Amino acid sequence: MLRFLFLNRLASDGYYKALKDDPNFLAGLNVHKGEVTYKAVADVFWI
């Protein structure tokens, strides 16, 4: 059920507003504009 709430907010507000307004979305961001933003993901893929 929680996933539905996040997906609904993302669909209705758009990704930019969702990332700006909700720290949970921002914490889950791994890649942005072709750049890895989360070190653990970069380490797994040796980037």
N, C-alpha and C. Protein backbone atom coordinates (compact mmCIF):
# COMPACT_ATOMS: atom_id res chain seq x y z
N MET A 1 0.82 -1.20 0.00
CA MET A 1 0.00 0.00 0.00
C MET A 1 0.86 1.26 0.00
N LEU A 2 1.96 1.22 0.74
CA LEU A 2 2.84 2.38 0.81
C LEU A 2 3.43 2.70 -0.56
N ARG A 3 3.78 1.66 -1.32
CA ARG A 3 4.31 1.89 -2.67
C ARG A 3 3.31 2.64 -3.53
N PHE A 4 2.04 2.29 -3.41
CA PHE A 4 1.01 2.97 -4.18
C PHE A 4 0.97 4.45 -3.84
N LEU A 5 1.10 4.79 -2.58
CA LEU A 5 1.08 6.20 -2.18
C LEU A 5 2.26 6.96 -2.78
N PHE A 6 3.44 6.33 -2.76
CA PHE A 6 4.61 6.97 -3.35
C PHE A 6 4.45 7.11 -4.86
N LEU A 7 3.99 6.07 -5.51
CA LEU A 7 3.80 6.12 -6.96
C LEU A 7 2.74 7.14 -7.34
N ASN A 8 1.68 7.21 -6.57
CA ASN A 8 0.63 8.18 -6.84
C ASN A 8 1.16 9.61 -6.71
N ARG A 9 1.93 9.87 -5.68
CA ARG A 9 2.51 11.20 -5.49
C ARG A 9 3.47 11.52 -6.63
N LEU A 10 4.28 10.56 -7.02
CA LEU A 10 5.22 10.77 -8.11
C LEU A 10 4.49 11.07 -9.42
N ALA A 11 3.43 10.32 -9.68
CA ALA A 11 2.67 10.53 -10.92
C ALA A 11 1.92 11.86 -10.92
N SER A 12 1.39 12.25 -9.79
CA SER A 12 0.58 13.48 -9.77
C SER A 12 1.45 14.74 -9.66
N ASP A 13 2.56 14.67 -8.92
CA ASP A 13 3.39 15.85 -8.70
C ASP A 13 4.53 15.98 -9.69
N GLY A 14 4.95 14.86 -10.29
CA GLY A 14 6.13 14.87 -11.13
C GLY A 14 7.37 14.60 -10.30
N TYR A 15 8.40 14.13 -10.96
CA TYR A 15 9.59 13.71 -10.22
C TYR A 15 10.31 14.89 -9.55
N TYR A 16 10.36 16.04 -10.21
CA TYR A 16 11.10 17.17 -9.64
C TYR A 16 10.49 17.63 -8.32
N LYS A 17 9.19 17.83 -8.30
CA LYS A 17 8.51 18.27 -7.08
C LYS A 17 8.59 17.19 -6.00
N ALA A 18 8.44 15.94 -6.40
CA ALA A 18 8.51 14.84 -5.42
C ALA A 18 9.89 14.80 -4.77
N LEU A 19 10.95 14.95 -5.55
CA LEU A 19 12.31 14.95 -5.00
C LEU A 19 12.55 16.17 -4.12
N LYS A 20 12.01 17.29 -4.52
CA LYS A 20 12.21 18.53 -3.76
C LYS A 20 11.45 18.53 -2.44
N ASP A 21 10.24 18.00 -2.45
CA ASP A 21 9.37 18.10 -1.28
C ASP A 21 9.47 16.93 -0.31
N ASP A 22 9.97 15.80 -0.76
CA ASP A 22 9.94 14.60 0.09
C ASP A 22 11.33 14.00 0.21
N PRO A 23 11.94 14.05 1.40
CA PRO A 23 13.29 13.51 1.57
C PRO A 23 13.38 12.00 1.31
N ASN A 24 12.26 11.29 1.39
CA ASN A 24 12.28 9.86 1.10
C ASN A 24 12.55 9.59 -0.38
N PHE A 25 12.00 10.40 -1.25
CA PHE A 25 12.28 10.26 -2.67
C PHE A 25 13.75 10.58 -2.94
N LEU A 26 14.22 11.66 -2.36
CA LEU A 26 15.60 12.07 -2.58
C LEU A 26 16.58 11.02 -2.07
N ALA A 27 16.27 10.41 -0.95
CA ALA A 27 17.15 9.36 -0.39
C ALA A 27 17.20 8.14 -1.30
N GLY A 28 16.16 7.91 -2.09
CA GLY A 28 16.13 6.76 -2.97
C GLY A 28 16.69 7.01 -4.36
N LEU A 29 17.15 8.23 -4.61
CA LEU A 29 17.70 8.56 -5.93
C LEU A 29 19.10 7.97 -6.08
N ASN A 30 19.29 7.12 -7.08
CA ASN A 30 20.59 6.48 -7.30
C ASN A 30 21.33 7.04 -8.50
N VAL A 31 20.59 7.48 -9.51
CA VAL A 31 21.20 8.01 -10.73
C VAL A 31 20.43 9.25 -11.15
N HIS A 32 21.17 10.30 -11.53
CA HIS A 32 20.53 11.53 -11.99
C HIS A 32 21.37 12.12 -13.11
N LYS A 33 20.73 12.37 -14.25
CA LYS A 33 21.39 12.94 -15.42
C LYS A 33 22.64 12.16 -15.80
N GLY A 34 22.53 10.84 -15.72
CA GLY A 34 23.63 9.98 -16.13
C GLY A 34 24.74 9.82 -15.12
N GLU A 35 24.61 10.41 -13.96
CA GLU A 35 25.62 10.31 -12.91
C GLU A 35 25.08 9.51 -11.74
N VAL A 36 25.92 8.63 -11.20
CA VAL A 36 25.53 7.86 -10.02
C VAL A 36 25.61 8.78 -8.81
N THR A 37 24.53 8.85 -8.04
CA THR A 37 24.47 9.76 -6.89
C THR A 37 24.65 9.04 -5.55
N TYR A 38 24.70 7.72 -5.59
CA TYR A 38 24.79 6.94 -4.36
C TYR A 38 26.03 6.06 -4.42
N LYS A 39 26.97 6.28 -3.50
CA LYS A 39 28.27 5.62 -3.55
C LYS A 39 28.17 4.11 -3.54
N ALA A 40 27.26 3.55 -2.77
CA ALA A 40 27.13 2.09 -2.71
C ALA A 40 26.78 1.51 -4.07
N VAL A 41 25.96 2.19 -4.83
CA VAL A 41 25.61 1.72 -6.17
C VAL A 41 26.83 1.80 -7.08
N ALA A 42 27.56 2.89 -6.99
CA ALA A 42 28.79 3.05 -7.79
C ALA A 42 29.80 1.94 -7.45
N ASP A 43 29.93 1.62 -6.18
CA ASP A 43 30.89 0.59 -5.75
C ASP A 43 30.51 -0.78 -6.32
N VAL A 44 29.23 -1.11 -6.33
CA VAL A 44 28.78 -2.40 -6.83
C VAL A 44 29.12 -2.56 -8.31
N PHE A 45 29.00 -1.46 -9.05
CA PHE A 45 29.24 -1.51 -10.50
C PHE A 45 30.64 -1.02 -10.88
N TRP A 46 31.50 -0.81 -9.90
CA TRP A 46 32.89 -0.38 -10.10
C TRP A 46 32.98 0.90 -10.92
N ILE A 47 32.13 1.84 -10.58
CA ILE A 47 32.13 3.12 -11.29
C ILE A 47 32.97 4.12 -10.52
